[in-house]
Protein backbone atom coordinates (compact mmCIF):
# COMPACT_ATOMS: atom_id res chain seq x y z
CA MET A 1 -9.25 55.80 5.14
CA ILE A 2 -7.66 58.76 6.83
CA ALA A 3 -3.96 59.13 7.51
CA ASP A 4 -3.55 58.01 11.10
CA GLU A 5 -0.70 56.53 13.12
CA GLN A 6 -1.38 52.98 11.95
CA PHE A 7 -1.51 54.11 8.32
CA GLU A 8 1.76 56.00 8.72
CA GLN A 9 3.47 52.97 10.28
CA GLU A 10 2.31 50.71 7.44
CA PHE A 11 3.27 53.33 4.85
CA GLN A 12 6.76 53.60 6.39
CA ALA A 13 7.02 49.80 6.48
CA VAL A 14 6.48 49.62 2.71
CA PHE A 15 9.44 51.93 2.13
CA GLU A 16 11.56 49.98 4.60
CA ASP A 17 10.68 46.73 2.84
CA VAL A 18 11.62 48.12 -0.56
CA PHE A 19 14.67 50.19 0.39
CA GLY A 20 15.85 48.61 3.63
CA TRP A 21 15.95 49.82 7.20
CA GLY A 22 17.37 53.17 8.20
CA LEU A 23 16.65 55.16 5.05
CA GLN A 24 15.56 58.66 5.96
CA PHE A 25 13.21 60.42 3.57
CA GLY A 26 10.86 63.37 3.44
CA GLU A 27 7.66 64.13 1.58
CA GLU A 28 9.48 65.54 -1.45
CA ASP A 29 11.98 62.69 -1.79
CA GLY A 30 11.74 60.50 -4.85
CA PRO A 31 13.89 59.16 -7.68
CA ALA A 32 15.68 62.49 -8.11
CA THR A 33 16.86 62.58 -4.48
CA LEU A 34 17.25 58.90 -3.55
CA GLU A 35 19.62 56.88 -5.72
CA GLU A 36 17.99 53.69 -4.44
CA TRP A 37 14.69 54.75 -6.02
CA ASP A 38 15.07 53.42 -9.54
CA SER A 39 12.43 52.10 -11.94
CA LEU A 40 12.41 48.65 -10.32
CA ALA A 41 11.97 50.22 -6.87
CA GLN A 42 9.06 52.27 -8.27
CA ILE A 43 7.33 49.07 -9.43
CA ARG A 44 7.97 47.37 -6.09
CA LEU A 45 6.66 50.40 -4.16
CA VAL A 46 3.44 50.59 -6.13
CA HIS A 47 2.88 46.83 -5.87
CA GLU A 48 3.52 46.82 -2.10
CA LEU A 49 1.29 49.85 -1.52
CA GLU A 50 -1.53 48.25 -3.50
CA SER A 51 -1.15 44.97 -1.62
CA ARG A 52 -0.93 46.42 1.89
CA PHE A 53 -3.67 48.99 1.54
CA GLY A 54 -6.03 47.08 -0.77
CA VAL A 55 -6.04 49.78 -3.42
CA ARG A 56 -5.61 49.88 -7.18
CA LEU A 57 -3.42 52.85 -8.05
CA PRO A 58 -3.62 54.48 -11.48
CA ASP A 59 -1.01 53.61 -14.11
CA THR A 60 0.48 57.06 -13.61
CA ALA A 61 1.83 55.78 -10.28
CA LEU A 62 4.17 53.59 -12.33
CA LEU A 63 4.74 55.78 -15.35
CA GLU A 64 5.32 59.21 -13.84
CA GLU A 65 7.99 60.23 -11.37
CA GLN A 66 6.55 60.09 -7.88
CA SER A 67 7.56 61.32 -4.45
CA VAL A 68 6.84 59.98 -0.99
CA GLY A 69 4.12 62.60 -0.62
CA SER A 70 2.50 61.95 -4.00
CA LEU A 71 2.37 58.20 -3.34
CA ARG A 72 0.81 58.82 0.09
CA ALA A 73 -1.82 61.06 -1.54
CA LEU A 74 -2.59 58.45 -4.21
CA VAL A 75 -3.06 55.70 -1.62
CA LEU A 76 -5.36 57.88 0.47
CA GLU A 77 -7.31 59.00 -2.60
CA HIS A 78 -7.93 55.43 -3.78
CA ALA A 79 -8.46 53.79 -0.40
CA PRO A 80 -11.83 52.15 0.23
């Protein structure tokens, strides 16, 4: 799977589902820059990404601090 427009729309939709509409974020944003991104949000993000993209992300996706960009890279790396 390559990052294309459809992928980007679905990827954005995951964040909107978890955090709500209208949240603006960049590639480097994560728990340190978004107060809404707590440990529960991290679990929800990983679960939603795995469900929508049919991937199994490594446990580090849950255990280590992530960013928008690092989660995108993990999804693309583990995509079928």
